[in-house]
Amino acid sequence: MKRYYFVFCKDDLLLQEQPDGTCAIPLCEEPPTGVKPWTTVLTVAPLGDTEVCTYGIDAPEETAGLTPCPLRQSYYKLPLEHYLKAGKCAELLYWDRNTRYCGVCGGPMRLHTDISKRCEHCGKEVWPQVSPAIIVRINRGRDEILMARARNFRGDFYGLIAGFVETGETLEEAVRREVHEETGLSIKNLRYFGSQPWPYPSGLMLGFTADYAGGQIHVQREELKNVAWFHRDHLPKLPEKLSIARQLVDDWLENTTDTAQ
């Protein structure tokens, strides 16, 4: 039986080049690369009726003619459902690498189900953890939004205010706290927009929109290089299409453009 094999070499997903120049996930009966005796091959929820497996290899020379591609860039080379499944596989491999030993007694952890492990000594069970984070588009009037340039951005683009949810707070509280901590501003009319898995390495982005309520911008310099209001006709370089940040901006542009016409 043929299966999809999502194979990673370090942080790169291995793709199979097709005769027409496109790329695909290897679909075969056996693993497309050599598998060591100690390699863990994980079973993942199927794609349609096709089984899915994932594993990692250590060295580029083991790629067996497959083409390495950064996970983010695979968004532009694969069907969306395959990119999303690749993200899930990357998260499961990350979880597997970081749960080899029990956090209670130090005993070896072994797979119990496809998405759980159990300690061989004390019986403690663990599941993959997801780190929720909020991201918010703040509107000022119809034509302006707040955009931020974070210190950890690899490119020269601007994004939106975002941050991890803390223990004991609601999503709404997290949005208001992050906005105030990073910009000094207050917001109103907070509304849920949508969510997106963010497997870098194990996040879940929860998107919101809000309106400016008051305050002057005071940039949190530890995390941000700059924060500013941008008119829809004079926007900075935007985030990549794969991100919910870009979805939030594109949604605003489409709606304000439609209103303006």
Protein backbone atom coordinates (compact mmCIF):
# COMPACT_ATOMS: atom_id res chain seq x y z
CA MET A 1 0.00 0.00 0.00
CA LYS A 2 1.32 3.41 -0.96
CA ARG A 3 1.67 6.04 1.75
CA TYR A 4 2.62 9.68 1.85
CA TYR A 5 6.02 10.03 3.51
CA PHE A 6 6.70 13.46 5.02
CA VAL A 7 10.45 13.26 5.57
CA PHE A 8 12.47 16.01 7.24
CA CYS A 9 16.20 16.60 7.21
CA LYS A 10 16.74 18.96 10.13
CA ASP A 11 14.26 21.80 9.36
CA ASP A 12 13.81 21.00 5.65
CA LEU A 13 10.97 19.00 4.14
CA LEU A 14 12.12 16.59 1.43
CA LEU A 15 10.15 16.95 -1.81
CA GLN A 16 10.04 14.83 -4.93
CA GLU A 17 10.48 16.72 -8.18
CA GLN A 18 7.94 15.79 -10.86
CA PRO A 19 8.57 15.58 -14.64
CA ASP A 20 6.60 18.80 -15.16
CA GLY A 21 8.85 20.72 -12.72
CA THR A 22 6.43 20.74 -9.80
CA CYS A 23 7.13 19.21 -6.38
CA ALA A 24 5.21 16.63 -4.40
CA ILE A 25 5.31 14.62 -1.20
CA PRO A 26 6.79 11.14 -1.89
CA LEU A 27 4.00 8.60 -2.35
CA CYS A 28 5.39 5.08 -2.12
CA GLU A 29 5.10 1.70 -0.43
CA GLU A 30 8.37 1.95 1.50
CA PRO A 31 10.24 4.92 3.06
CA PRO A 32 11.89 6.93 0.26
CA THR A 33 15.18 7.14 2.19
CA GLY A 34 17.18 4.81 4.35
CA VAL A 35 15.73 4.39 7.85
CA LYS A 36 18.06 3.62 10.77
CA PRO A 37 17.08 1.02 13.39
CA TRP A 38 16.63 3.79 15.95
CA THR A 39 14.55 6.06 13.70
CA THR A 40 10.99 6.61 14.89
CA VAL A 41 8.49 6.55 12.05
CA LEU A 42 5.28 8.20 13.23
CA THR A 43 1.83 7.44 11.86
CA VAL A 44 -0.22 10.58 11.23
CA ALA A 45 -3.90 11.11 10.41
CA PRO A 46 -4.46 10.21 6.74
CA LEU A 47 -4.86 12.54 3.79
CA GLY A 48 -8.21 11.43 2.42
CA ASP A 49 -7.93 7.66 2.06
CA THR A 50 -4.12 7.67 1.91
CA GLU A 51 -2.06 6.78 4.95
CA VAL A 52 0.57 9.26 6.16
CA CYS A 53 3.90 8.63 7.88
CA THR A 54 6.64 11.00 8.96
CA TYR A 55 10.21 10.71 10.20
CA GLY A 56 13.47 12.65 10.28
CA ILE A 57 16.93 11.95 8.94
CA ASP A 58 20.18 13.46 10.16
CA ALA A 59 22.35 14.09 7.10
CA PRO A 60 21.76 15.62 3.65
CA GLU A 61 23.58 12.71 1.99
CA GLU A 62 20.70 10.48 3.07
CA THR A 63 18.09 12.36 1.03
CA ALA A 64 18.14 9.81 -1.83
CA GLY A 65 17.69 12.36 -4.60
CA LEU A 66 14.86 14.23 -2.90
CA THR A 67 14.94 18.04 -2.81
CA PRO A 68 15.15 19.78 0.59
CA CYS A 69 12.79 22.72 1.05
CA PRO A 70 12.23 24.91 4.14
CA LEU A 71 8.79 24.22 5.59
CA ARG A 72 7.64 27.81 5.10
CA GLN A 73 8.62 27.78 1.43
CA SER A 74 6.80 24.50 0.84
CA TYR A 75 3.60 26.57 1.14
CA TYR A 76 4.31 27.87 -2.36
CA LYS A 77 5.15 24.44 -3.82
CA LEU A 78 2.49 22.12 -2.41
CA PRO A 79 -1.30 21.94 -2.32
CA LEU A 80 -2.58 23.65 0.82
CA GLU A 81 -3.72 20.41 2.46
CA HIS A 82 -0.24 18.92 1.96
CA TYR A 83 1.45 22.01 3.42
CA LEU A 84 -0.83 21.86 6.46
CA LYS A 85 -0.15 18.16 6.90
CA ALA A 86 3.59 18.86 6.64
CA GLY A 87 3.20 21.35 9.47
CA LYS A 88 1.43 18.77 11.62
CA CYS A 89 4.18 16.26 10.90
CA ALA A 90 6.86 18.80 11.84
CA GLU A 91 5.10 19.46 15.14
CA LEU A 92 4.83 15.75 15.95
CA LEU A 93 8.52 15.17 15.21
CA TYR A 94 9.43 18.14 17.42
CA TRP A 95 7.28 16.67 20.19
CA ASP A 96 8.86 13.24 19.75
CA ARG A 97 12.40 14.65 20.02
CA ASN A 98 11.58 16.59 23.18
CA THR A 99 9.71 13.87 25.10
CA ARG A 100 12.21 11.02 25.10
CA TYR A 101 12.38 10.94 28.89
CA CYS A 102 9.77 11.37 31.59
CA GLY A 103 9.65 14.76 33.26
CA VAL A 104 8.59 13.13 36.56
CA CYS A 105 10.97 10.20 37.07
CA GLY A 106 13.37 10.39 34.11
CA GLY A 107 12.31 7.03 32.70
CA PRO A 108 12.12 6.34 28.94
CA MET A 109 8.93 7.41 27.17
CA ARG A 110 7.37 5.09 24.60
CA LEU A 111 4.59 5.69 22.09
CA HIS A 112 1.23 4.63 23.55
CA THR A 113 -0.99 5.86 20.73
CA ASP A 114 -0.22 7.81 17.56
CA ILE A 115 -0.37 11.06 19.58
CA SER A 116 0.56 10.04 23.12
CA LYS A 117 3.48 8.58 25.05
CA ARG A 118 3.66 6.70 28.34
CA CYS A 119 6.58 6.42 30.75
CA GLU A 120 7.81 2.84 31.11
CA HIS A 121 8.59 3.40 34.81
CA CYS A 122 5.85 5.52 36.38
CA GLY A 123 3.13 5.45 33.72
CA LYS A 124 2.91 9.22 33.18
CA GLU A 125 1.29 10.05 29.83
CA VAL A 126 2.02 13.05 27.63
CA TRP A 127 0.48 14.48 24.47
CA PRO A 128 1.73 17.06 21.97
CA GLN A 129 1.48 20.55 23.44
CA VAL A 130 0.20 23.56 21.51
CA SER A 131 1.22 27.12 22.39
CA PRO A 132 -1.66 29.55 21.73
CA ALA A 133 -0.77 33.05 20.58
CA ILE A 134 -2.94 36.00 19.63
CA ILE A 135 -2.51 38.40 16.73
CA VAL A 136 -4.60 41.51 16.19
CA ARG A 137 -5.25 44.02 13.44
CA ILE A 138 -6.04 47.42 14.95
CA ASN A 139 -7.99 49.85 12.78
CA ARG A 140 -7.97 53.62 13.18
CA GLY A 141 -10.89 54.90 11.18
CA ARG A 142 -11.44 53.29 7.78
CA ASP A 143 -8.08 53.94 6.16
CA GLU A 144 -5.36 53.17 8.74
CA ILE A 145 -4.08 50.13 10.58
CA LEU A 146 -1.33 49.68 13.15
CA MET A 147 1.69 47.69 11.97
CA ALA A 148 4.84 46.64 13.80
CA ARG A 149 8.40 45.69 12.90
CA ALA A 150 9.60 43.03 15.36
CA ARG A 151 13.26 42.57 16.23
CA ASN A 152 13.11 38.85 15.41
CA PHE A 153 11.73 39.35 11.86
CA ARG A 154 14.15 37.92 9.29
CA GLY A 155 12.94 40.19 6.49
CA ASP A 156 12.18 43.88 6.22
CA PHE A 157 8.41 43.49 6.40
CA TYR A 158 5.95 44.81 8.97
CA GLY A 159 3.45 42.60 10.78
CA LEU A 160 0.74 42.97 13.39
CA ILE A 161 0.81 43.02 17.17
CA ALA A 162 1.07 39.44 18.46
CA GLY A 163 2.10 37.49 21.53
CA PHE A 164 1.65 34.31 23.51
CA VAL A 165 -1.32 33.73 25.78
CA GLU A 166 -0.31 33.54 29.43
CA THR A 167 -1.56 31.05 31.99
CA GLY A 168 -4.82 32.08 33.60
CA GLU A 169 -5.96 34.68 31.06
CA THR A 170 -8.62 34.67 28.37
CA LEU A 171 -7.80 35.27 24.73
CA GLU A 172 -9.41 38.69 24.96
CA GLU A 173 -7.32 39.60 28.00
CA ALA A 174 -4.20 38.44 26.15
CA VAL A 175 -4.97 40.73 23.19
CA ARG A 176 -5.50 43.79 25.37
CA ARG A 177 -2.41 43.04 27.47
CA GLU A 178 -0.12 42.54 24.45
CA VAL A 179 -1.38 45.70 22.76
CA HIS A 180 -0.84 47.77 25.89
CA GLU A 181 2.57 46.22 26.69
CA GLU A 182 3.96 46.60 23.17
CA THR A 183 2.38 49.92 22.10
CA GLY A 184 0.82 51.66 25.09
CA LEU A 185 -2.50 51.89 23.22
CA SER A 186 -6.00 50.86 24.27
CA ILE A 187 -8.51 49.15 21.97
CA LYS A 188 -12.24 48.57 21.67
CA ASN A 189 -14.68 46.50 19.58
CA LEU A 190 -12.53 43.38 19.81
CA ARG A 191 -13.73 40.69 17.39
CA TYR A 192 -12.57 37.18 16.56
CA PHE A 193 -11.29 36.70 12.98
CA GLY A 194 -9.99 33.15 12.67
CA SER A 195 -7.16 30.80 13.59
CA GLN A 196 -4.15 29.15 11.97
CA PRO A 197 -1.81 26.35 12.99
CA TRP A 198 1.72 27.76 13.14
CA PRO A 199 4.20 24.87 13.31
CA TYR A 200 7.30 26.95 14.13
CA PRO A 201 7.55 24.87 16.20
CA SER A 202 4.11 24.27 17.80
CA GLY A 203 1.93 27.36 17.81
CA LEU A 204 -1.72 28.12 17.20
CA MET A 205 -2.35 31.69 16.05
CA LEU A 206 -5.71 33.17 17.02
CA GLY A 207 -6.56 36.24 14.97
CA PHE A 208 -8.61 39.24 16.10
CA THR A 209 -9.58 42.66 14.84
CA ALA A 210 -10.10 45.74 17.01
CA ASP A 211 -10.55 49.49 16.80
CA TYR A 212 -8.23 52.13 18.26
CA ALA A 213 -9.65 53.55 21.50
CA GLY A 214 -6.92 55.92 22.67
CA GLY A 215 -3.36 56.56 23.77
CA GLN A 216 -0.01 57.52 22.24
CA ILE A 217 2.37 54.94 20.81
CA HIS A 218 5.15 53.88 23.19
CA VAL A 219 7.18 51.13 21.55
CA GLN A 220 8.35 48.18 23.64
CA ARG A 221 11.96 48.29 22.44
CA GLU A 222 12.87 44.87 23.84
CA GLU A 223 10.68 43.17 21.21
CA LEU A 224 9.86 45.77 18.54
CA LYS A 225 11.93 48.05 16.31
CA ASN A 226 9.05 50.24 15.25
CA VAL A 227 5.27 50.63 15.47
CA ALA A 228 3.30 53.04 13.30
CA TRP A 229 -0.03 53.79 11.70
CA PHE A 230 -0.13 53.10 7.95
CA HIS A 231 -2.64 54.34 5.40
CA ARG A 232 -4.00 51.68 3.06
CA ASP A 233 -2.48 53.53 0.09
CA HIS A 234 1.00 53.63 1.66
CA LEU A 235 1.61 50.27 3.32
CA PRO A 236 5.07 48.87 4.12
CA LYS A 237 6.25 45.49 2.88
CA LEU A 238 3.65 42.96 4.05
CA PRO A 239 4.04 39.48 5.62
CA GLU A 240 4.06 36.39 3.42
CA LYS A 241 0.80 35.00 2.06
CA LEU A 242 1.01 31.89 4.24
CA SER A 243 0.49 33.84 7.49
CA ILE A 244 -2.73 34.84 9.22
CA ALA A 245 -1.16 38.29 9.61
CA ARG A 246 -1.36 38.66 5.83
CA GLN A 247 -4.92 37.28 5.81
CA LEU A 248 -5.93 39.96 8.31
CA VAL A 249 -4.34 42.73 6.24
CA ASP A 250 -5.74 41.43 2.94
CA ASP A 251 -9.22 41.18 4.45
CA TRP A 252 -8.99 44.81 5.56
CA LEU A 253 -7.72 45.96 2.16
CA GLU A 254 -10.52 44.19 0.31
CA ASN A 255 -13.19 45.58 2.60
CA THR A 256 -11.88 49.16 2.62
CA THR A 257 -11.35 49.11 -1.15
CA ASP A 258 -14.88 47.87 -1.69
CA THR A 259 -16.22 50.59 0.60
CA ALA A 260 -14.21 53.28 -1.17
CA GLN A 261 -15.51 52.37 -4.65
